N, C-alpha and C. Protein backbone atom coordinates (compact mmCIF):
# COMPACT_ATOMS: atom_id res chain seq x y z
N MET A 1 0.92 -1.14 0.06
CA MET A 1 0.07 -0.03 -0.04
C MET A 1 0.92 1.31 0.00
N HIS A 2 2.01 1.21 0.85
CA HIS A 2 2.80 2.34 0.92
C HIS A 2 3.50 2.75 -0.42
N GLU A 3 4.04 1.68 -1.05
CA GLU A 3 4.69 1.82 -2.31
C GLU A 3 3.71 2.16 -3.40
N TYR A 4 2.47 1.85 -3.42
CA TYR A 4 1.36 2.32 -4.31
C TYR A 4 1.26 3.86 -4.10
N ALA A 5 1.09 4.28 -2.89
CA ALA A 5 0.89 5.79 -2.57
C ALA A 5 2.21 6.53 -3.01
N MET A 6 3.38 5.97 -3.00
CA MET A 6 4.56 6.69 -3.36
C MET A 6 4.57 6.75 -4.92
N ALA A 7 4.04 5.85 -5.68
CA ALA A 7 3.92 5.79 -6.99
C ALA A 7 3.01 7.04 -7.62
N LEU A 8 1.99 7.28 -6.79
CA LEU A 8 1.17 8.33 -7.26
C LEU A 8 1.70 9.77 -7.02
N LYS A 9 2.72 9.83 -6.18
CA LYS A 9 3.30 11.35 -5.95
C LYS A 9 4.09 11.72 -7.15
N PRO A 10 3.81 12.87 -7.66
CA PRO A 10 4.62 13.33 -8.85
C PRO A 10 6.17 13.56 -8.55
N ASP A 11 6.90 13.22 -9.51
CA ASP A 11 8.29 13.43 -9.34
C ASP A 11 8.69 14.69 -9.82
N TYR A 12 9.01 15.73 -8.90
CA TYR A 12 9.29 17.12 -9.45
C TYR A 12 10.72 17.24 -9.80
N SER A 13 11.62 16.21 -9.86
CA SER A 13 12.93 16.33 -10.35
C SER A 13 13.13 16.48 -11.74
N GLN A 14 12.00 16.09 -12.52
CA GLN A 14 12.02 16.23 -13.84
C GLN A 14 11.23 17.43 -14.34
N SER A 15 11.36 17.90 -15.62
CA SER A 15 10.75 19.09 -16.02
C SER A 15 9.18 18.77 -16.29
N ALA A 16 8.57 19.87 -16.35
CA ALA A 16 7.09 19.71 -16.47
C ALA A 16 6.80 19.04 -17.73
N PHE A 17 7.52 19.33 -18.91
CA PHE A 17 7.34 18.67 -20.15
C PHE A 17 7.55 17.21 -20.06
N ARG A 18 8.53 16.79 -19.42
CA ARG A 18 8.91 15.26 -19.34
C ARG A 18 7.84 14.67 -18.46
N ARG A 19 7.33 15.31 -17.46
CA ARG A 19 6.25 14.59 -16.74
C ARG A 19 5.00 14.43 -17.63
N TRP A 20 4.67 15.56 -18.35
CA TRP A 20 3.47 15.48 -19.37
C TRP A 20 3.70 14.53 -20.37
N TRP A 21 4.98 14.39 -20.92
CA TRP A 21 5.17 13.46 -21.93
C TRP A 21 5.06 11.88 -21.55
N LYS A 22 5.54 11.80 -20.36
CA LYS A 22 5.49 10.37 -19.75
C LYS A 22 4.07 9.94 -19.39
N ARG A 23 3.00 10.86 -19.22
CA ARG A 23 1.83 10.49 -18.93
C ARG A 23 0.93 10.14 -20.31
N ARG A 24 1.63 10.35 -21.41
CA ARG A 24 0.97 9.86 -22.65
C ARG A 24 1.22 8.39 -22.88
N ASP A 25 0.35 7.69 -23.50
CA ASP A 25 0.57 6.38 -23.86
C ASP A 25 1.33 6.32 -25.22
N PHE A 26 1.74 4.98 -25.60
CA PHE A 26 2.66 4.99 -26.84
C PHE A 26 2.10 5.59 -28.06
N LEU A 27 0.73 5.26 -28.21
CA LEU A 27 0.01 5.65 -29.48
C LEU A 27 -0.02 7.26 -29.63
N GLN A 28 -0.28 7.84 -28.45
CA GLN A 28 -0.30 9.26 -28.29
C GLN A 28 1.02 9.95 -28.63
N GLN A 29 2.07 9.36 -28.06
CA GLN A 29 3.41 9.72 -28.45
C GLN A 29 3.82 9.75 -29.80
N ARG A 30 3.42 8.66 -30.51
CA ARG A 30 3.73 8.42 -31.76
C ARG A 30 3.02 9.48 -32.63
N MET A 31 1.65 9.75 -32.34
CA MET A 31 0.95 10.73 -33.09
C MET A 31 1.46 12.15 -32.85
N LEU A 32 1.85 12.50 -31.64
CA LEU A 32 2.52 13.76 -31.57
C LEU A 32 3.82 13.95 -32.25
N ARG A 33 4.59 12.82 -32.32
CA ARG A 33 5.85 12.89 -33.12
C ARG A 33 5.50 12.93 -34.55
N LEU A 34 4.46 12.29 -35.07
CA LEU A 34 4.10 12.50 -36.51
C LEU A 34 3.69 13.89 -36.84
N CYS A 35 2.85 14.45 -35.87
CA CYS A 35 2.36 15.78 -36.12
C CYS A 35 3.42 16.82 -36.13
N LEU A 36 4.50 16.57 -35.22
CA LEU A 36 5.65 17.59 -35.20
C LEU A 36 6.38 17.34 -36.48
N SER A 37 6.70 16.19 -37.02
CA SER A 37 7.31 15.95 -38.32
C SER A 37 6.60 16.62 -39.42
N LEU A 38 5.44 16.48 -39.58
CA LEU A 38 4.61 17.12 -40.51
C LEU A 38 4.69 18.69 -40.40
N LEU A 39 4.69 19.21 -39.24
CA LEU A 39 4.82 20.66 -39.01
C LEU A 39 6.10 21.17 -39.40
N VAL A 40 7.11 20.32 -39.29
CA VAL A 40 8.49 20.78 -39.59
C VAL A 40 8.59 20.78 -41.26
N MET A 41 8.02 19.59 -41.77
CA MET A 41 7.99 19.61 -43.26
C MET A 41 7.21 20.80 -43.88
N VAL A 42 5.99 21.10 -43.38
CA VAL A 42 5.35 22.31 -43.77
C VAL A 42 6.09 23.53 -43.69
N VAL A 43 6.90 23.74 -42.79
CA VAL A 43 7.74 24.95 -42.61
C VAL A 43 8.85 24.94 -43.55
N CYS A 44 9.46 23.65 -43.82
CA CYS A 44 10.64 23.54 -44.68
C CYS A 44 10.49 23.62 -46.08
N PHE A 45 9.24 23.27 -46.69
CA PHE A 45 8.90 23.32 -48.04
C PHE A 45 9.03 24.57 -48.64
N PRO A 46 8.40 25.73 -47.99
CA PRO A 46 8.49 26.99 -48.65
C PRO A 46 10.06 27.52 -48.48
N LEU A 47 10.83 27.17 -47.33
CA LEU A 47 12.16 27.56 -47.30
C LEU A 47 12.95 26.86 -48.45
N TYR A 48 12.64 25.69 -48.70
CA TYR A 48 13.34 25.02 -49.85
C TYR A 48 13.13 25.51 -51.11
N TYR A 49 11.82 26.01 -51.49
CA TYR A 49 11.67 26.57 -52.76
C TYR A 49 12.02 28.01 -52.69
N ALA A 50 12.31 28.66 -51.74
CA ALA A 50 12.89 29.98 -51.57
C ALA A 50 14.40 29.98 -51.69
N GLY A 51 15.00 28.86 -51.83
CA GLY A 51 16.38 28.70 -51.91
C GLY A 51 17.28 28.61 -50.89
N LEU A 52 16.79 28.56 -49.59
CA LEU A 52 17.54 28.61 -48.35
C LEU A 52 18.52 27.46 -48.27
N PHE A 53 18.21 26.36 -48.91
CA PHE A 53 19.06 25.20 -48.59
C PHE A 53 20.09 25.09 -49.71
N GLY A 54 20.18 26.10 -50.68
CA GLY A 54 21.19 26.05 -51.68
C GLY A 54 21.01 25.37 -52.98
N THR A 55 19.88 24.48 -53.08
CA THR A 55 19.68 23.82 -54.24
C THR A 55 18.71 24.33 -55.23
N GLN A 56 18.12 25.34 -54.87
CA GLN A 56 17.01 26.08 -55.72
C GLN A 56 17.48 27.58 -55.71
N GLU A 57 17.18 28.13 -56.98
CA GLU A 57 17.36 29.55 -57.11
C GLU A 57 16.24 30.26 -56.40
N GLY A 58 16.53 31.25 -55.65
CA GLY A 58 15.58 31.88 -55.06
C GLY A 58 16.12 33.17 -54.12
N PRO A 59 15.34 33.84 -53.55
CA PRO A 59 15.88 35.08 -52.77
C PRO A 59 16.71 34.75 -51.43
N LEU A 60 16.51 33.45 -51.06
CA LEU A 60 17.11 32.97 -49.78
C LEU A 60 18.50 32.12 -50.07
N ASN A 61 18.76 31.96 -51.49
CA ASN A 61 19.86 31.13 -51.76
C ASN A 61 21.12 31.88 -51.17
N PRO A 62 22.10 31.05 -50.60
CA PRO A 62 23.15 31.62 -49.91
C PRO A 62 23.99 32.54 -50.80
N ALA A 63 24.06 32.10 -52.15
CA ALA A 63 24.86 32.99 -52.97
C ALA A 63 24.28 34.36 -53.07
N ASN A 64 22.92 34.43 -53.24
CA ASN A 64 22.02 35.69 -53.38
C ASN A 64 22.31 36.52 -51.95
N ILE A 65 22.20 35.93 -50.93
CA ILE A 65 22.31 36.50 -49.66
C ILE A 65 23.73 37.13 -49.50
N GLY A 66 24.59 36.35 -49.85
CA GLY A 66 26.01 36.92 -49.91
C GLY A 66 26.18 38.15 -50.73
N ALA A 67 25.67 38.13 -51.99
CA ALA A 67 25.70 39.15 -52.87
C ALA A 67 24.83 40.38 -52.30
N ARG A 68 23.82 40.13 -51.81
CA ARG A 68 23.11 41.40 -51.11
C ARG A 68 23.96 41.97 -49.99
N LEU A 69 24.43 41.15 -49.34
CA LEU A 69 25.19 41.67 -47.97
C LEU A 69 26.46 42.37 -48.48
N ALA A 70 27.15 41.86 -49.61
CA ALA A 70 28.31 42.49 -49.99
C ALA A 70 27.86 43.91 -50.75
N GLY A 71 26.68 43.98 -51.30
CA GLY A 71 26.29 45.16 -52.00
C GLY A 71 25.99 46.21 -51.00
N MET A 72 25.64 45.88 -49.68
CA MET A 72 25.36 46.57 -48.62
C MET A 72 26.68 47.16 -47.77
N GLY A 73 27.83 46.64 -48.12
CA GLY A 73 29.00 46.86 -47.68
C GLY A 73 29.58 45.99 -46.43
N VAL A 74 28.80 44.82 -46.16
CA VAL A 74 29.22 43.87 -45.13
C VAL A 74 30.41 43.06 -45.74
N SER A 75 31.47 43.11 -44.86
CA SER A 75 32.57 42.32 -45.29
C SER A 75 32.80 41.19 -44.47
N GLN A 76 33.78 40.32 -44.69
CA GLN A 76 34.21 39.22 -43.74
C GLN A 76 34.63 39.62 -42.39
N THR A 77 35.24 40.81 -42.27
CA THR A 77 35.41 41.24 -40.95
C THR A 77 34.26 41.67 -40.12
N HIS A 78 33.27 42.21 -40.76
CA HIS A 78 32.00 42.62 -40.07
C HIS A 78 31.37 41.28 -39.56
N ALA A 79 31.38 40.29 -40.38
CA ALA A 79 30.65 38.93 -39.97
C ALA A 79 31.47 38.37 -38.90
N MET A 80 32.73 38.37 -38.96
CA MET A 80 33.54 37.89 -37.79
C MET A 80 33.36 38.46 -36.57
N VAL A 81 33.38 39.88 -36.56
CA VAL A 81 33.19 40.60 -35.26
C VAL A 81 31.73 40.34 -34.75
N MET A 82 30.77 40.30 -35.65
CA MET A 82 29.51 40.01 -35.13
C MET A 82 29.35 38.55 -34.44
N PHE A 83 30.00 37.55 -35.03
CA PHE A 83 29.78 36.20 -34.53
C PHE A 83 30.61 36.19 -33.34
N THR A 84 31.83 36.85 -33.29
CA THR A 84 32.61 36.71 -32.06
C THR A 84 31.98 37.53 -30.84
N THR A 85 31.36 38.59 -31.16
CA THR A 85 30.63 39.26 -30.07
C THR A 85 29.37 38.44 -29.62
N LEU A 86 28.76 37.71 -30.53
CA LEU A 86 27.65 36.87 -30.16
C LEU A 86 28.17 35.67 -29.27
N VAL A 87 29.27 35.24 -29.53
CA VAL A 87 30.07 34.11 -28.62
C VAL A 87 30.33 34.65 -27.29
N ILE A 88 30.89 35.84 -27.09
CA ILE A 88 31.35 36.48 -25.91
C ILE A 88 29.97 36.65 -25.11
N ILE A 89 29.03 37.19 -25.75
CA ILE A 89 27.70 37.50 -24.96
C ILE A 89 27.12 36.10 -24.68
N ALA A 90 27.09 35.02 -25.34
CA ALA A 90 26.36 33.85 -25.11
C ALA A 90 27.18 33.11 -24.01
N VAL A 91 28.55 33.34 -23.93
CA VAL A 91 29.29 32.61 -22.94
C VAL A 91 29.18 33.41 -21.59
N SER A 92 29.22 34.65 -21.54
CA SER A 92 29.24 35.33 -20.29
C SER A 92 28.10 35.96 -19.83
N TRP A 93 26.89 35.97 -20.52
CA TRP A 93 25.85 36.62 -20.05
C TRP A 93 25.38 36.29 -18.59
N ASN A 94 25.40 34.99 -18.16
CA ASN A 94 24.90 34.62 -16.87
C ASN A 94 25.98 35.02 -15.83
N TRP A 95 27.34 35.02 -16.24
CA TRP A 95 28.32 35.52 -15.15
C TRP A 95 28.02 36.94 -14.77
N ILE A 96 27.64 37.73 -15.79
CA ILE A 96 27.37 39.13 -15.59
C ILE A 96 26.11 39.26 -14.70
N PHE A 97 25.08 38.51 -15.24
CA PHE A 97 23.82 38.62 -14.49
C PHE A 97 24.04 38.19 -13.04
N ASN A 98 24.76 37.05 -12.84
CA ASN A 98 24.91 36.66 -11.45
C ASN A 98 25.74 37.64 -10.68
N ALA A 99 26.64 38.27 -11.16
CA ALA A 99 27.59 39.23 -10.50
C ALA A 99 26.60 40.44 -10.04
N VAL A 100 25.80 40.98 -11.04
CA VAL A 100 24.85 42.02 -10.69
C VAL A 100 23.90 41.60 -9.63
N SER A 101 23.29 40.41 -9.79
CA SER A 101 22.36 39.97 -8.81
C SER A 101 22.87 39.91 -7.42
N LEU A 102 24.01 39.32 -7.35
CA LEU A 102 24.70 39.22 -6.04
C LEU A 102 24.95 40.57 -5.45
N ALA A 103 25.49 41.43 -6.25
CA ALA A 103 25.89 42.98 -5.81
C ALA A 103 24.55 43.58 -5.35
N ALA A 104 23.45 43.29 -6.01
CA ALA A 104 22.26 44.05 -5.71
C ALA A 104 21.51 43.36 -4.55
N GLY A 105 21.88 42.15 -4.21
CA GLY A 105 21.24 41.52 -3.18
C GLY A 105 20.03 40.64 -3.40
N HIS A 106 19.91 40.35 -4.71
CA HIS A 106 18.86 39.48 -5.13
C HIS A 106 19.19 38.13 -5.33
N ARG A 107 18.24 37.19 -5.38
CA ARG A 107 18.35 35.82 -5.55
C ARG A 107 18.94 35.19 -4.21
N LEU A 108 18.63 35.68 -3.11
CA LEU A 108 19.19 35.20 -1.93
C LEU A 108 18.06 34.51 -1.09
N THR A 109 18.42 33.38 -0.44
CA THR A 109 17.53 32.71 0.51
C THR A 109 18.15 32.58 1.90
N CYS A 110 17.25 32.51 2.85
CA CYS A 110 17.79 32.16 4.28
C CYS A 110 18.21 30.88 4.44
N ASN A 111 19.47 30.80 5.07
CA ASN A 111 20.06 29.38 5.31
C ASN A 111 20.01 29.07 6.77
N HIS A 112 18.99 29.50 7.47
CA HIS A 112 18.87 29.14 8.86
C HIS A 112 18.30 27.66 8.96
N VAL A 113 18.95 26.93 9.72
CA VAL A 113 18.59 25.45 10.03
C VAL A 113 17.56 25.49 11.15
N GLU A 114 16.39 24.99 10.90
CA GLU A 114 15.36 24.87 11.95
C GLU A 114 15.81 23.69 12.87
N ALA A 115 15.02 23.49 13.92
CA ALA A 115 15.19 22.43 14.90
C ALA A 115 14.99 21.05 14.28
N ASP A 116 14.01 20.90 13.34
CA ASP A 116 13.91 19.63 12.68
C ASP A 116 14.94 19.23 11.69
N GLY A 117 15.91 20.09 11.35
CA GLY A 117 16.94 19.88 10.27
C GLY A 117 16.75 20.46 9.05
N LYS A 118 15.48 21.14 8.82
CA LYS A 118 15.24 21.65 7.54
C LYS A 118 15.82 23.10 7.45
N VAL A 119 16.07 23.53 6.24
CA VAL A 119 16.58 24.91 6.06
C VAL A 119 15.40 25.75 5.84
N CYS A 120 15.39 27.05 6.28
CA CYS A 120 14.22 27.87 6.30
C CYS A 120 13.96 28.17 4.74
N GLY A 121 14.97 28.64 4.00
CA GLY A 121 14.62 28.72 2.46
C GLY A 121 13.78 29.87 2.13
N ALA A 122 13.40 30.72 3.07
CA ALA A 122 12.50 31.93 2.64
C ALA A 122 13.53 33.15 1.96
N VAL A 123 12.93 33.93 1.06
CA VAL A 123 13.64 35.02 0.51
C VAL A 123 14.28 35.87 1.52
N ALA A 124 15.60 36.17 1.31
CA ALA A 124 16.27 37.00 2.27
C ALA A 124 16.61 38.24 1.64
N THR A 125 16.59 39.28 2.55
CA THR A 125 17.12 40.67 2.06
C THR A 125 18.31 41.24 2.82
N ARG A 126 19.03 41.94 2.23
CA ARG A 126 20.34 42.33 2.75
C ARG A 126 20.12 43.75 3.36
N HIS A 127 20.69 43.96 4.55
CA HIS A 127 20.62 45.16 5.29
C HIS A 127 22.01 45.54 5.79
N LYS A 128 22.30 46.71 5.98
CA LYS A 128 23.56 47.18 6.64
C LYS A 128 23.17 47.63 7.95
N VAL A 129 23.80 46.94 9.01
CA VAL A 129 23.67 47.18 10.46
C VAL A 129 24.98 47.54 11.11
N THR A 130 24.86 48.42 12.16
CA THR A 130 26.06 48.66 13.00
C THR A 130 26.11 47.95 14.14
N ARG A 131 27.18 47.36 14.47
CA ARG A 131 27.29 46.35 15.68
C ARG A 131 27.52 47.33 16.92
N LYS A 132 26.71 46.98 17.84
CA LYS A 132 26.90 47.87 19.13
C LYS A 132 28.12 47.78 19.82
N LEU A 133 28.83 46.54 19.85
CA LEU A 133 29.99 46.46 20.58
C LEU A 133 31.26 47.08 19.89
N THR A 134 31.25 46.71 18.54
CA THR A 134 32.41 47.10 17.84
C THR A 134 32.29 48.42 17.09
N GLY A 135 31.03 48.72 16.73
CA GLY A 135 30.82 50.09 16.03
C GLY A 135 31.07 49.94 14.52
N LYS A 136 31.32 48.69 13.95
CA LYS A 136 31.54 48.37 12.59
C LYS A 136 30.07 48.07 11.90
N THR A 137 30.01 48.53 10.64
CA THR A 137 28.96 48.36 9.87
C THR A 137 29.11 47.11 8.97
N VAL A 138 28.24 46.06 9.24
CA VAL A 138 28.27 44.82 8.69
C VAL A 138 26.95 44.49 7.79
N GLU A 139 26.91 43.47 6.99
CA GLU A 139 25.81 43.13 6.27
C GLU A 139 25.06 42.04 7.00
N GLN A 140 23.75 42.22 7.12
CA GLN A 140 22.99 41.26 7.76
C GLN A 140 21.67 40.90 6.80
N TYR A 141 21.36 39.60 6.67
CA TYR A 141 20.33 39.03 5.97
C TYR A 141 19.06 38.67 6.82
N THR A 142 18.12 39.25 6.44
CA THR A 142 16.85 38.89 7.24
C THR A 142 15.80 38.25 6.37
N CYS A 143 14.89 37.39 6.88
CA CYS A 143 13.85 36.75 6.06
C CYS A 143 12.48 37.23 6.73
N PRO A 144 11.45 36.80 6.10
CA PRO A 144 10.15 37.28 6.62
C PRO A 144 9.73 36.42 7.87
N ARG A 145 10.35 35.30 8.10
CA ARG A 145 10.20 34.58 9.39
C ARG A 145 10.85 35.08 10.53
N GLY A 146 11.73 36.14 10.35
CA GLY A 146 12.36 36.79 11.37
C GLY A 146 13.76 36.34 11.73
N HIS A 147 14.31 35.48 10.83
CA HIS A 147 15.76 35.06 11.16
C HIS A 147 16.78 36.19 10.55
N ARG A 148 17.87 36.34 11.33
CA ARG A 148 18.82 37.20 11.11
C ARG A 148 20.02 36.59 11.01
N ARG A 149 20.70 36.73 9.95
CA ARG A 149 22.03 35.75 9.54
C ARG A 149 22.84 36.57 9.03
N PRO A 150 24.35 36.34 9.37
CA PRO A 150 25.38 36.97 8.73
C PRO A 150 25.56 36.50 7.22
N GLU A 151 24.95 35.50 6.86
CA GLU A 151 25.19 34.96 5.43
C GLU A 151 23.78 34.59 5.05
N ALA A 152 23.72 34.29 3.60
CA ALA A 152 22.48 33.81 2.90
C ALA A 152 22.94 33.04 1.78
N HIS A 153 22.11 32.24 1.30
CA HIS A 153 22.39 31.40 0.15
C HIS A 153 22.10 31.97 -1.12
N PHE A 154 22.97 32.23 -2.11
CA PHE A 154 22.85 32.77 -3.36
C PHE A 154 22.45 31.72 -4.44
N HIS A 155 21.45 31.92 -5.10
CA HIS A 155 21.11 30.98 -6.25
C HIS A 155 21.45 31.57 -7.56
N PRO A 156 22.56 31.07 -8.09
CA PRO A 156 23.13 31.64 -9.44
C PRO A 156 22.21 31.01 -10.52
N VAL A 157 22.15 31.86 -11.60
CA VAL A 157 21.43 31.35 -12.89
C VAL A 157 22.53 30.66 -13.70
N ARG A 158 22.05 29.42 -14.20
CA ARG A 158 22.94 28.43 -14.94
C ARG A 158 22.49 28.54 -16.38
N LYS A 159 23.52 28.37 -17.28
CA LYS A 159 23.11 28.33 -18.76
C LYS A 159 22.25 27.10 -18.90
N GLY A 160 21.39 27.30 -20.01
CA GLY A 160 20.52 26.22 -20.25
C GLY A 160 20.90 25.71 -21.59
N VAL A 161 20.05 24.90 -22.22
CA VAL A 161 20.28 24.15 -23.59
C VAL A 161 20.40 25.16 -24.54
N VAL A 162 19.42 26.17 -24.57
CA VAL A 162 19.40 27.28 -25.57
C VAL A 162 20.71 28.03 -25.66
N SER A 163 21.24 28.59 -24.48
CA SER A 163 22.47 29.36 -24.32
C SER A 163 23.59 28.51 -24.94
N HIS A 164 23.58 27.19 -24.62
CA HIS A 164 24.75 26.49 -25.02
C HIS A 164 24.68 26.38 -26.49
N CYS A 165 23.54 26.01 -27.09
CA CYS A 165 23.32 25.96 -28.62
C CYS A 165 23.71 27.19 -29.31
N VAL A 166 23.38 28.33 -28.71
CA VAL A 166 23.63 29.67 -29.35
C VAL A 166 25.27 29.79 -29.51
N TRP A 167 25.99 29.72 -28.38
CA TRP A 167 27.36 29.76 -28.34
C TRP A 167 27.97 28.86 -29.22
N VAL A 168 27.63 27.53 -29.22
CA VAL A 168 28.19 26.61 -30.08
C VAL A 168 27.96 26.97 -31.62
N LEU A 169 26.72 27.47 -32.01
CA LEU A 169 26.50 27.82 -33.33
C LEU A 169 27.23 29.05 -33.79
N ALA A 170 27.36 30.05 -32.86
CA ALA A 170 28.29 31.28 -33.14
C ALA A 170 29.70 30.84 -33.24
N VAL A 171 30.21 29.94 -32.54
CA VAL A 171 31.70 29.46 -32.69
C VAL A 171 31.82 28.82 -34.05
N PHE A 172 30.65 27.94 -34.48
CA PHE A 172 30.74 27.33 -35.75
C PHE A 172 30.65 28.37 -36.86
N PHE A 173 29.92 29.28 -36.82
CA PHE A 173 29.94 30.40 -37.81
C PHE A 173 31.14 31.13 -37.82
N CYS A 174 31.82 31.38 -36.80
CA CYS A 174 33.06 32.08 -36.70
C CYS A 174 34.09 31.14 -37.50
N LEU A 175 33.98 29.92 -37.22
CA LEU A 175 34.98 29.07 -38.11
C LEU A 175 34.67 29.00 -39.44
N VAL A 176 33.34 28.94 -39.82
CA VAL A 176 33.03 29.03 -41.29
C VAL A 176 33.47 30.30 -42.02
N VAL A 177 33.28 31.52 -41.18
CA VAL A 177 33.77 32.85 -41.81
C VAL A 177 35.15 32.88 -41.97
N PHE A 178 35.96 32.28 -41.05
CA PHE A 178 37.39 32.44 -40.84
C PHE A 178 38.06 31.45 -41.86
N PHE A 179 37.53 30.25 -42.00
CA PHE A 179 38.14 29.32 -42.87
C PHE A 179 37.65 29.15 -44.27
N LEU A 180 36.38 29.40 -44.50
CA LEU A 180 35.66 29.22 -45.75
C LEU A 180 35.47 30.49 -46.55
N SER A 181 35.81 31.57 -46.10
CA SER A 181 35.62 32.93 -46.73
C SER A 181 36.89 33.37 -47.44
């Protein structure tokens, strides 16, 4: 009985999409995959006939795009600078965001350990207070539950799949521009 009750409890270690996907039976999953494949095909046919993939003549043919960009004065150096800038931004955006968030005192939680061994985990705010004994000004973190701590836990933002894909693609395009132009 206890094992059955544990099986009904949702597993929050997985993403919401993964939990939704696993609730579908085999036939539903196959139908959703078929519909997604058909949707991709419907999107790709106009792009193919517009010349995006290089086998048809059209406005999106890579040779035509290159000729238009060259006509506007865009050179290999411009493309290299743009993609290198994109690599730098895609690699370092979360470092900058985390540094600014930590300096501003955001994304902090109380790390007070309760009597039952659980961490408080409420949102903490940073205040500067003056110690009565020493007269020094120090930072103190307080939470809505009344805990006052000299430190708090910072929750950094980590890169996700999209961010990693962006910087890998930008590096790939940098290599294409550098070696194939």
